N, C-alpha and C. Protein backbone atom coordinates (compact mmCIF):
# COMPACT_ATOMS: atom_id res chain seq x y z
N MET A 1 59.54 133.21 72.42
CA MET A 1 60.62 132.55 73.33
C MET A 1 60.28 132.97 74.83
N ALA A 2 59.94 134.16 75.22
CA ALA A 2 59.63 134.43 76.54
C ALA A 2 58.36 133.74 77.14
N ASN A 3 57.32 133.41 76.19
CA ASN A 3 56.28 132.89 76.62
C ASN A 3 56.51 131.23 76.75
N ARG A 4 57.19 130.69 76.09
CA ARG A 4 57.92 129.24 76.23
C ARG A 4 58.43 129.12 77.59
N LYS A 5 59.38 130.07 77.94
CA LYS A 5 59.99 130.19 79.07
C LYS A 5 59.11 130.14 80.18
N ARG A 6 58.07 131.16 80.26
CA ARG A 6 57.20 131.44 81.26
C ARG A 6 56.41 130.27 81.38
N ARG A 7 55.89 129.42 80.54
CA ARG A 7 55.01 128.55 80.79
C ARG A 7 55.61 127.09 81.06
N SER A 8 56.99 126.92 81.12
CA SER A 8 57.74 125.69 81.44
C SER A 8 58.02 125.46 82.95
N GLY A 9 57.60 126.64 83.65
CA GLY A 9 57.85 126.20 85.11
C GLY A 9 56.71 125.15 85.55
N LYS A 10 57.42 124.27 86.58
CA LYS A 10 56.26 123.23 87.09
C LYS A 10 55.93 124.19 88.41
N ILE A 11 54.53 123.69 88.70
CA ILE A 11 53.84 124.12 89.79
C ILE A 11 53.83 122.98 90.95
N SER A 12 53.82 123.39 92.40
CA SER A 12 53.47 122.46 93.39
C SER A 12 52.46 123.06 94.31
N PRO A 13 52.16 122.30 95.28
CA PRO A 13 51.32 123.10 96.22
C PRO A 13 51.87 124.09 97.04
N SER A 14 53.09 123.99 96.90
CA SER A 14 53.84 125.13 97.62
C SER A 14 54.25 126.26 97.19
N THR A 15 53.87 126.29 95.55
CA THR A 15 54.21 127.44 94.66
C THR A 15 53.44 128.61 95.03
N LYS A 16 53.94 129.71 95.42
CA LYS A 16 53.34 131.12 95.71
C LYS A 16 52.42 131.46 94.73
N MET A 17 51.38 132.06 95.00
CA MET A 17 50.33 132.38 93.98
C MET A 17 50.71 133.55 93.30
N ASP A 18 51.53 134.48 93.34
CA ASP A 18 51.69 135.51 92.15
C ASP A 18 52.65 134.61 91.37
N GLU A 19 53.56 133.68 91.68
CA GLU A 19 54.60 133.25 90.66
C GLU A 19 53.61 131.98 89.80
N MET A 20 52.65 131.52 90.57
CA MET A 20 51.77 130.77 89.73
C MET A 20 50.79 131.57 88.60
N LEU A 21 50.50 132.56 89.05
CA LEU A 21 49.55 133.66 88.25
C LEU A 21 50.34 134.32 87.00
N THR A 22 51.71 134.57 87.46
CA THR A 22 52.62 135.26 86.54
C THR A 22 52.93 133.88 85.46
N GLY A 23 53.38 132.63 85.81
CA GLY A 23 53.97 131.99 85.13
C GLY A 23 52.77 131.27 84.36
N HIS A 24 51.80 131.27 85.04
CA HIS A 24 50.32 130.42 83.89
C HIS A 24 49.09 131.53 84.21
N PRO A 25 49.17 132.17 83.32
CA PRO A 25 47.84 133.21 83.42
C PRO A 25 46.47 132.37 83.32
N GLU A 26 46.62 131.31 82.85
CA GLU A 26 45.20 130.38 82.78
C GLU A 26 44.66 130.29 83.93
N VAL A 27 45.58 130.23 84.93
CA VAL A 27 45.06 130.05 86.39
C VAL A 27 44.08 131.18 86.98
N ILE A 28 44.24 132.45 86.27
CA ILE A 28 43.32 133.43 86.60
C ILE A 28 42.00 133.00 86.53
N ALA A 29 41.63 132.32 85.34
CA ALA A 29 39.96 131.98 85.31
C ALA A 29 39.81 131.35 86.51
N VAL A 30 40.40 130.20 86.86
CA VAL A 30 40.17 129.31 87.96
C VAL A 30 39.89 130.04 89.41
N MET A 31 40.75 131.14 89.46
CA MET A 31 40.79 132.15 90.87
C MET A 31 39.35 132.68 90.60
N ASN A 32 39.07 133.49 89.66
CA ASN A 32 37.75 134.20 89.43
C ASN A 32 36.72 133.23 89.49
N ARG A 33 36.55 132.05 88.82
CA ARG A 33 35.41 131.06 89.03
C ARG A 33 35.25 130.85 90.84
N ASN A 34 36.27 130.73 91.44
CA ASN A 34 36.13 130.58 92.83
C ASN A 34 35.94 131.66 93.60
N ARG A 35 35.89 132.96 92.88
CA ARG A 35 35.57 134.05 93.71
C ARG A 35 36.93 134.38 94.53
N MET A 36 37.99 133.97 94.16
CA MET A 36 39.41 134.31 94.87
C MET A 36 39.92 135.76 94.11
N LEU A 37 40.29 136.49 95.09
CA LEU A 37 40.89 137.64 94.84
C LEU A 37 42.50 137.74 94.66
N CYS A 38 43.05 136.93 94.36
CA CYS A 38 44.39 136.56 94.52
C CYS A 38 45.27 137.60 93.36
N VAL A 39 44.77 138.06 92.30
CA VAL A 39 45.32 138.53 91.28
C VAL A 39 45.38 140.04 91.77
N GLY A 40 46.50 140.61 92.00
CA GLY A 40 46.71 141.91 92.54
C GLY A 40 46.95 141.98 94.16
N CYS A 41 46.74 140.85 94.80
CA CYS A 41 46.56 140.57 96.32
C CYS A 41 47.99 140.80 96.78
N LEU A 42 48.03 141.63 97.86
CA LEU A 42 49.32 141.85 98.50
C LEU A 42 50.02 140.50 99.10
N LEU A 43 48.91 139.86 99.63
CA LEU A 43 49.54 138.38 100.02
C LEU A 43 50.00 137.43 99.05
N ALA A 44 49.51 137.92 98.00
CA ALA A 44 49.89 136.65 96.79
C ALA A 44 51.22 136.14 96.80
N SER A 45 52.27 137.09 97.21
CA SER A 45 53.58 136.63 96.96
C SER A 45 53.67 135.65 98.26
N PHE A 46 53.20 135.80 99.29
CA PHE A 46 53.30 134.92 100.41
C PHE A 46 52.45 133.63 100.55
N HIS A 47 51.42 133.76 99.97
CA HIS A 47 50.30 132.61 100.01
C HIS A 47 50.82 131.67 98.98
N ASP A 48 50.74 130.13 99.40
CA ASP A 48 50.62 129.31 98.35
C ASP A 48 49.60 128.56 98.33
N THR A 49 48.92 127.93 97.26
CA THR A 49 47.79 127.20 96.97
C THR A 49 47.20 126.69 98.40
N TRP A 50 47.63 126.19 99.43
CA TRP A 50 47.07 125.65 100.48
C TRP A 50 46.60 127.04 101.03
N ASP A 51 47.42 128.04 101.21
CA ASP A 51 46.99 129.16 102.00
C ASP A 51 45.69 129.91 101.70
N ALA A 52 45.80 130.24 100.14
CA ALA A 52 44.74 130.90 99.60
C ALA A 52 43.61 130.00 99.56
N ALA A 53 43.61 128.63 99.33
CA ALA A 53 42.31 128.03 99.60
C ALA A 53 41.77 128.05 100.96
N ARG A 54 42.42 127.78 102.09
CA ARG A 54 42.13 127.92 103.33
C ARG A 54 41.53 129.35 103.48
N GLU A 55 42.23 130.54 103.14
CA GLU A 55 41.79 131.61 103.18
C GLU A 55 40.41 131.94 102.53
N HIS A 56 39.97 131.17 101.57
CA HIS A 56 38.74 131.64 100.83
C HIS A 56 37.58 130.33 101.28
N GLY A 57 38.26 129.46 102.05
CA GLY A 57 37.14 128.32 102.57
C GLY A 57 37.05 127.33 101.45
N LEU A 58 38.23 127.04 100.90
CA LEU A 58 38.02 126.03 99.81
C LEU A 58 38.87 124.73 99.97
N ASP A 59 38.66 123.82 99.56
CA ASP A 59 39.22 122.53 99.59
C ASP A 59 40.70 122.79 99.08
N PRO A 60 41.68 122.85 99.82
CA PRO A 60 43.14 122.98 98.92
C PRO A 60 43.48 121.54 97.97
N ASP A 61 43.22 120.71 98.34
CA ASP A 61 43.19 119.55 97.13
C ASP A 61 42.32 119.87 95.86
N ALA A 62 41.27 120.12 96.28
CA ALA A 62 40.28 120.41 95.04
C ALA A 62 40.90 121.56 94.23
N LEU A 63 41.35 122.66 94.70
CA LEU A 63 41.69 123.75 94.26
C LEU A 63 42.97 123.56 93.28
N TYR A 64 43.92 122.82 94.16
CA TYR A 64 45.15 122.41 93.10
C TYR A 64 44.70 121.80 91.87
N GLU A 65 43.82 120.67 92.13
CA GLU A 65 43.40 119.65 91.03
C GLU A 65 42.88 120.69 89.96
N GLU A 66 42.01 121.67 90.26
CA GLU A 66 41.40 122.27 89.30
C GLU A 66 42.63 123.20 88.43
N ILE A 67 43.56 123.74 89.24
CA ILE A 67 44.80 124.43 88.80
C ILE A 67 45.38 123.62 87.85
N THR A 68 45.88 122.55 88.24
CA THR A 68 46.83 121.71 87.40
C THR A 68 46.06 121.37 86.05
N GLU A 69 44.51 121.07 86.27
CA GLU A 69 43.74 120.78 84.95
C GLU A 69 43.81 121.98 84.27
N ALA A 70 43.49 123.30 84.66
CA ALA A 70 43.77 124.41 83.73
C ALA A 70 44.86 124.40 83.03
N ILE A 71 46.17 124.13 83.55
CA ILE A 71 47.50 124.35 83.29
C ILE A 71 47.71 123.24 82.05
N GLY A 72 47.04 122.07 82.38
CA GLY A 72 47.23 121.02 81.50
C GLY A 72 46.46 121.02 79.96
N LYS A 73 45.17 122.05 80.37
CA LYS A 73 44.57 122.15 79.02
C LYS A 73 45.07 123.17 78.33
N SER A 74 45.63 124.07 78.76
CA SER A 74 46.30 124.99 78.23
C SER A 74 47.45 124.55 77.27
N ARG A 75 48.37 123.60 77.95
CA ARG A 75 49.41 123.12 77.26
C ARG A 75 49.22 122.17 76.08
N ARG A 76 47.90 121.67 76.15
CA ARG A 76 47.50 120.83 74.93
C ARG A 76 47.14 121.65 73.81
N LEU A 77 46.70 122.97 73.99
CA LEU A 77 46.11 123.88 72.94
C LEU A 77 47.41 124.46 71.95
């Protein structure tokens, strides 16, 4: 039941990274692939997708697309 509730939250580009990583652990793989250190970062509770992408020199739109794709794949499993 807790797992169902945890995964039901929708994300947006303004979702804070810690909220996204907690609610959608499949996003951790996306962060690791992009060499982002968001997991455990003190700024994760302040940074949204755009902030994190810019901080790591990534395209925010491409990162958000990759994140939503990972979440979509996990929901189909």
